[in-house]
N, C-alpha and C. Protein backbone atom coordinates (compact mmCIF):
# COMPACT_ATOMS: atom_id res chain seq x y z
N UNK A 1 108.72 102.14 101.48
CA UNK A 1 107.69 102.12 102.50
C UNK A 1 107.05 103.53 102.54
N UNK A 2 107.96 104.40 102.87
CA UNK A 2 107.57 105.81 103.26
C UNK A 2 106.90 106.56 101.85
N UNK A 3 107.22 106.00 100.57
CA UNK A 3 106.66 106.53 99.38
C UNK A 3 105.31 106.10 99.26
N UNK A 4 104.99 104.90 99.60
CA UNK A 4 103.77 104.22 99.48
C UNK A 4 102.87 104.85 100.20
N UNK A 5 103.23 105.07 101.73
CA UNK A 5 102.36 105.94 102.74
C UNK A 5 102.10 107.22 102.35
N UNK A 6 103.00 108.00 101.85
CA UNK A 6 103.04 109.41 101.31
C UNK A 6 101.69 109.47 100.27
N UNK A 7 102.04 108.41 99.08
CA UNK A 7 100.80 108.55 98.35
C UNK A 7 99.58 108.07 98.77
N UNK A 8 99.50 107.21 99.53
CA UNK A 8 98.22 106.82 100.40
C UNK A 8 97.54 107.82 100.92
N UNK A 9 98.40 108.51 101.74
CA UNK A 9 97.82 109.69 102.51
C UNK A 9 97.56 110.84 101.60
N UNK A 10 98.21 111.26 100.44
CA UNK A 10 97.96 112.27 99.56
C UNK A 10 96.58 111.98 98.75
N UNK A 11 96.25 110.48 98.28
CA UNK A 11 95.23 110.21 97.80
C UNK A 11 93.97 110.47 98.88
N UNK A 12 94.12 110.17 100.01
CA UNK A 12 92.84 110.15 101.09
C UNK A 12 92.62 111.64 101.29
N UNK A 13 93.82 112.67 101.30
CA UNK A 13 93.62 114.13 101.30
C UNK A 13 93.12 114.58 100.07
N UNK A 14 93.30 114.09 99.18
CA UNK A 14 92.65 114.53 97.94
C UNK A 14 91.23 114.19 97.84
N UNK A 15 90.66 113.01 98.33
CA UNK A 15 89.44 112.46 98.48
C UNK A 15 88.84 113.52 99.44
N UNK A 16 89.24 113.81 100.59
CA UNK A 16 88.73 114.58 101.62
C UNK A 16 88.36 115.99 100.95
N UNK A 17 89.12 116.63 100.14
CA UNK A 17 89.01 117.83 99.47
C UNK A 17 87.76 117.56 98.42
N UNK A 18 87.69 116.64 97.60
CA UNK A 18 86.83 116.37 96.83
C UNK A 18 85.45 116.13 97.43
N UNK A 19 85.41 115.66 98.44
CA UNK A 19 84.22 115.42 99.33
C UNK A 19 83.92 116.98 100.03
N UNK A 20 84.73 117.78 100.19
CA UNK A 20 84.44 118.93 100.59
C UNK A 20 83.72 119.79 99.40
N UNK A 21 84.33 119.72 98.16
CA UNK A 21 83.86 120.21 96.86
C UNK A 21 82.44 119.99 96.81
N UNK A 22 82.18 118.73 96.95
CA UNK A 22 80.89 117.99 96.51
C UNK A 22 79.80 118.51 97.61
N UNK A 23 80.19 118.29 99.00
CA UNK A 23 79.38 118.95 99.82
C UNK A 23 78.93 120.18 100.17
N UNK A 24 80.18 120.99 99.59
CA UNK A 24 79.91 122.64 99.66
C UNK A 24 80.30 123.08 100.96
N UNK A 25 81.28 122.24 101.82
CA UNK A 25 81.73 122.91 103.21
C UNK A 25 83.22 122.54 103.10
N UNK A 26 84.05 123.35 103.38
CA UNK A 26 83.79 124.71 103.34
C UNK A 26 83.48 125.18 101.82
N UNK A 27 82.66 126.04 101.53
CA UNK A 27 82.35 126.84 100.32
C UNK A 27 83.36 127.00 99.46
N UNK A 28 84.33 127.43 100.10
CA UNK A 28 85.91 128.17 99.79
C UNK A 28 86.39 126.93 98.79
N UNK A 29 86.15 125.84 99.22
CA UNK A 29 86.74 124.67 98.63
C UNK A 29 86.31 124.48 97.01
N UNK A 30 85.06 124.39 96.89
CA UNK A 30 84.50 124.79 95.39
C UNK A 30 84.98 125.98 94.78
N UNK A 31 84.85 127.12 95.40
CA UNK A 31 85.21 128.37 94.75
C UNK A 31 86.80 128.27 94.11
N UNK A 32 87.65 127.82 95.04
CA UNK A 32 89.15 127.85 94.75
C UNK A 32 89.40 126.74 93.60
N UNK A 33 88.54 125.56 93.70
CA UNK A 33 88.87 124.71 92.69
C UNK A 33 88.31 125.13 91.38
N UNK A 34 87.18 126.03 91.29
CA UNK A 34 86.91 126.72 89.91
C UNK A 34 87.81 127.63 89.53
N UNK A 35 88.41 128.29 90.70
CA UNK A 35 89.56 129.60 90.27
C UNK A 35 90.76 128.72 89.61
N UNK A 36 91.15 127.79 90.49
CA UNK A 36 92.55 127.09 89.95
C UNK A 36 92.20 126.62 88.70
N UNK A 37 91.08 126.06 88.31
CA UNK A 37 90.90 125.47 87.03
C UNK A 37 90.93 126.48 85.96
N UNK A 38 90.16 127.58 86.43
CA UNK A 38 90.11 128.85 85.40
C UNK A 38 91.64 129.27 85.15
N UNK A 39 92.52 129.18 85.97
CA UNK A 39 93.80 129.85 85.64
C UNK A 39 94.51 128.88 84.88
N UNK A 40 93.83 127.68 84.61
CA UNK A 40 94.72 127.00 83.74
C UNK A 40 95.58 126.01 84.30
N UNK A 41 95.28 125.47 85.75
CA UNK A 41 95.94 124.57 86.34
C UNK A 41 95.31 123.17 86.36
N UNK A 42 95.64 122.12 86.05
CA UNK A 42 95.30 120.94 85.74
C UNK A 42 94.39 120.54 87.22
N UNK A 43 93.26 119.60 87.01
CA UNK A 43 92.43 119.47 88.12
C UNK A 43 93.11 118.64 89.33
N UNK A 44 93.83 117.66 88.87
CA UNK A 44 94.63 117.02 89.67
C UNK A 44 95.68 117.66 90.59
N UNK A 45 96.30 118.61 89.68
CA UNK A 45 97.36 119.32 90.58
C UNK A 45 96.50 120.46 91.43
N UNK A 46 95.44 120.99 91.02
CA UNK A 46 94.79 121.86 91.97
C UNK A 46 94.45 121.19 93.27
N UNK A 47 93.93 119.88 92.87
CA UNK A 47 93.46 119.15 94.20
C UNK A 47 94.61 118.84 94.85
N UNK A 48 95.68 118.47 94.29
CA UNK A 48 96.89 118.23 95.16
C UNK A 48 97.42 119.36 96.18
N UNK A 49 97.17 120.59 95.41
CA UNK A 49 97.55 121.91 96.16
C UNK A 49 96.88 122.06 97.26
N UNK A 50 95.37 121.99 97.00
CA UNK A 50 94.42 122.10 98.07
C UNK A 50 94.43 120.95 99.10
N UNK A 51 94.94 119.68 98.96
CA UNK A 51 95.20 118.76 99.57
C UNK A 51 96.43 118.94 100.62
N UNK A 52 97.32 119.55 99.99
CA UNK A 52 98.50 120.19 101.04
C UNK A 52 98.13 121.18 102.05
N UNK A 53 97.19 121.97 101.46
CA UNK A 53 96.82 122.92 102.55
C UNK A 53 96.06 122.53 103.70
N UNK A 54 95.17 121.36 103.13
CA UNK A 54 94.39 120.82 104.20
C UNK A 54 95.26 119.77 105.27
N UNK A 55 96.33 119.35 104.60
CA UNK A 55 97.36 118.55 105.62
C UNK A 55 98.08 119.55 106.69
N UNK A 56 98.37 120.68 105.84
CA UNK A 56 99.01 121.73 106.93
C UNK A 56 98.10 122.00 108.12
N UNK A 57 96.84 122.19 107.66
CA UNK A 57 95.81 122.47 108.78
C UNK A 57 95.58 121.61 109.77
N UNK A 58 95.81 120.40 109.32
CA UNK A 58 95.50 119.02 110.26
C UNK A 58 96.70 118.92 111.01
N UNK A 59 97.92 119.21 110.41
CA UNK A 59 99.29 119.24 111.35
C UNK A 59 99.05 120.27 112.46
N UNK A 60 98.47 121.61 111.80
CA UNK A 60 98.40 122.77 113.02
C UNK A 60 97.44 122.38 114.07
N UNK A 61 96.47 121.60 113.73
CA UNK A 61 95.51 120.90 114.74
C UNK A 61 96.07 120.12 115.81
N UNK A 62 96.72 118.99 115.14
CA UNK A 62 97.41 118.26 116.30
C UNK A 62 98.44 118.93 116.97
N UNK A 63 99.30 119.67 116.56
CA UNK A 63 100.37 120.36 117.29
C UNK A 63 99.58 121.30 118.27
N UNK A 64 98.59 122.15 118.16
CA UNK A 64 97.99 123.20 119.01
C UNK A 64 97.23 122.17 119.90
N UNK A 65 96.57 121.17 119.63
CA UNK A 65 95.41 120.29 120.40
C UNK A 65 94.24 121.19 120.53
N UNK A 66 94.03 121.81 119.54
CA UNK A 66 92.79 122.56 119.65
C UNK A 66 91.84 122.08 118.40
N UNK A 67 90.62 122.40 118.45
CA UNK A 67 89.97 122.11 117.26
C UNK A 67 90.38 122.70 116.03
N UNK A 68 89.74 121.93 114.88
CA UNK A 68 90.36 122.16 113.62
C UNK A 68 89.66 123.61 113.33
N UNK A 69 90.49 124.53 112.95
CA UNK A 69 89.88 126.15 112.46
C UNK A 69 89.37 126.07 111.24
N UNK A 70 88.21 125.65 110.58
CA UNK A 70 87.87 125.68 109.32
C UNK A 70 87.87 127.18 108.76
N UNK A 71 87.72 128.21 109.41
CA UNK A 71 87.84 129.48 108.93
C UNK A 71 89.34 129.77 108.42
N UNK A 72 90.11 129.32 109.42
CA UNK A 72 91.88 129.55 108.87
C UNK A 72 92.23 128.68 107.73
N UNK A 73 91.40 127.55 107.75
CA UNK A 73 91.65 126.64 106.29
C UNK A 73 90.95 127.32 105.16
N UNK A 74 89.84 127.72 105.31
CA UNK A 74 89.13 128.46 104.23
C UNK A 74 89.86 129.66 103.77
N UNK A 75 90.57 130.54 104.80
CA UNK A 75 91.42 131.59 104.26
C UNK A 75 92.53 131.06 103.46
N UNK A 76 92.97 129.99 104.10
CA UNK A 76 94.46 129.39 103.48
C UNK A 76 94.17 128.98 102.30
N UNK A 77 92.65 128.26 101.94
CA UNK A 77 92.36 128.00 100.44
C UNK A 77 92.35 128.96 99.48
N UNK A 78 91.71 130.36 100.19
CA UNK A 78 91.49 131.58 99.10
C UNK A 78 92.95 131.92 98.65
N UNK A 79 93.88 131.94 99.72
CA UNK A 79 95.20 132.55 99.44
C UNK A 79 95.74 131.71 98.21
N UNK A 80 95.49 130.38 97.95
CA UNK A 80 95.96 129.58 96.88
C UNK A 80 95.56 130.37 95.64
N UNK A 81 94.49 130.66 95.51
CA UNK A 81 93.95 131.10 94.21
C UNK A 81 94.70 132.40 93.96
N UNK A 82 94.98 133.13 94.86
CA UNK A 82 95.58 134.46 94.82
C UNK A 82 97.29 134.29 94.38
N UNK A 83 97.56 133.11 94.40
CA UNK A 83 99.30 132.96 94.31
C UNK A 83 99.57 132.97 92.68
């Protein structure tokens, strides 16, 4: 059951990242996706990396009980392209 829940959560996070790219907010989402694709990373793999970053920042938000820090999330996305 945990694997099913993990797969469901990952799909939803990827969908959220795809929405960010489509909406252009944060703008770094689209830029990073393009950069990762240019580096030869498969689209699904790139989206999964970005979704993991989103999950980390959601977890930080819940743990700190503070609003989601879109600027910190955007910086983390940019760091993905540098790795």
